[in-house]
Protein backbone atom coordinates (compact mmCIF):
# COMPACT_ATOMS: atom_id res chain seq x y z
CA MET A 1 89.30 73.94 116.75
CA LEU A 2 92.75 73.10 115.46
CA PHE A 3 91.39 72.96 111.91
CA LEU A 4 89.78 76.39 112.27
CA ASN A 5 93.03 77.84 113.60
CA PHE A 6 94.83 76.32 110.62
CA LEU A 7 92.33 77.91 108.22
CA LEU A 8 92.67 81.32 109.81
CA ALA A 9 96.42 81.23 110.25
CA VAL A 10 97.53 79.70 106.99
CA VAL A 11 94.83 79.91 104.32
CA GLY A 12 93.17 83.16 105.39
CA TYR A 13 96.38 84.98 106.27
CA THR A 14 98.14 83.97 103.05
CA THR A 15 95.15 84.94 100.92
CA ALA A 16 94.91 88.33 102.64
CA LYS A 17 98.67 88.89 102.42
CA VAL A 18 98.44 88.51 98.64
CA THR A 19 95.05 90.05 97.84
CA LEU A 20 94.73 93.05 100.20
CA PRO A 21 97.65 94.99 98.67
CA ILE A 22 96.39 94.20 95.17
CA ILE A 23 92.78 95.22 95.86
CA SER A 24 93.79 98.39 97.73
CA LEU A 25 96.50 99.31 95.17
CA GLY A 26 99.18 99.05 97.84
CA THR A 27 97.45 101.19 100.47
CA VAL A 28 96.74 98.28 102.85
CA GLN A 29 99.53 95.96 103.94
CA VAL A 30 99.24 92.95 106.25
CA GLN A 31 101.25 92.70 109.45
CA THR A 32 103.95 90.02 109.33
CA ALA A 33 103.08 86.84 111.17
CA ASP A 34 105.89 87.15 113.71
CA SER A 35 105.42 90.87 114.41
CA GLN A 36 104.65 92.02 117.95
CA GLU A 37 103.30 95.46 117.00
CA ASP A 38 100.35 96.89 118.90
CA GLY A 39 98.26 100.04 118.72
CA PHE A 40 95.65 98.74 116.29
CA ASN A 41 92.17 100.26 116.44
CA TRP A 42 89.05 98.18 117.10
CA LEU A 43 88.76 97.34 113.39
CA GLY A 44 92.28 95.87 113.36
CA PHE A 45 94.02 98.59 111.38
CA LYS A 46 96.59 101.26 112.12
CA ARG A 47 98.52 103.85 110.13
CA SER A 48 101.94 102.74 109.02
CA ALA A 49 105.01 104.94 108.72
CA ASP A 50 104.43 105.51 104.98
CA ASN A 51 100.87 106.77 105.67
CA GLY A 52 99.26 103.54 104.47
CA LEU A 53 97.24 101.10 106.53
CA LEU A 54 98.55 98.06 108.35
CA CYS A 55 96.11 95.20 108.94
CA HIS A 56 96.44 93.02 112.07
CA THR A 57 97.26 89.35 111.51
CA SER A 58 94.04 87.94 112.98
CA VAL A 59 91.84 90.38 111.04
CA ALA A 60 93.73 89.52 107.87
CA GLY A 61 93.05 85.83 108.50
CA CYS A 62 89.32 86.47 108.74
CA LEU A 63 89.29 88.75 105.70
CA GLY A 64 91.28 86.21 103.72
CA LEU A 65 88.70 83.50 104.35
CA ILE A 66 85.85 85.53 102.83
CA PRO A 67 86.70 84.76 99.17
CA TRP A 68 87.16 81.05 99.96
CA ILE A 69 83.83 80.83 101.78
CA ALA A 70 82.13 82.68 98.91
CA LEU A 71 83.74 80.28 96.42
CA ILE A 72 82.54 77.24 98.38
CA ILE A 73 79.01 78.63 98.65
CA PHE A 74 78.96 79.42 94.93
CA GLY A 75 80.25 75.94 94.10
CA LEU A 76 77.59 74.29 96.24
CA TRP A 77 74.88 76.49 94.77
CA ARG A 78 76.11 75.80 91.24
CA SER A 79 76.20 72.03 91.80
CA ARG A 80 72.60 72.01 93.04
CA ALA A 81 71.37 74.21 90.18
CA GLY A 82 72.66 72.05 87.39
């Protein structure tokens, strides 16, 4: 469980913090790790003051793990194919 928390908190969050603003062209930002903001909808987003979207920390961690999981699956598939 500690390892999964590490993956979500460090790897997933950091990946989302970097990639979400790039993919969304700056529209989506990730909540800072030490922020105590609330008011997020059930998807984990809320409107920020500059009319963009703010992504909750835990949702960002999950979203940030998606590319890593896809990369691992692709690597395993590729190693079996060749």
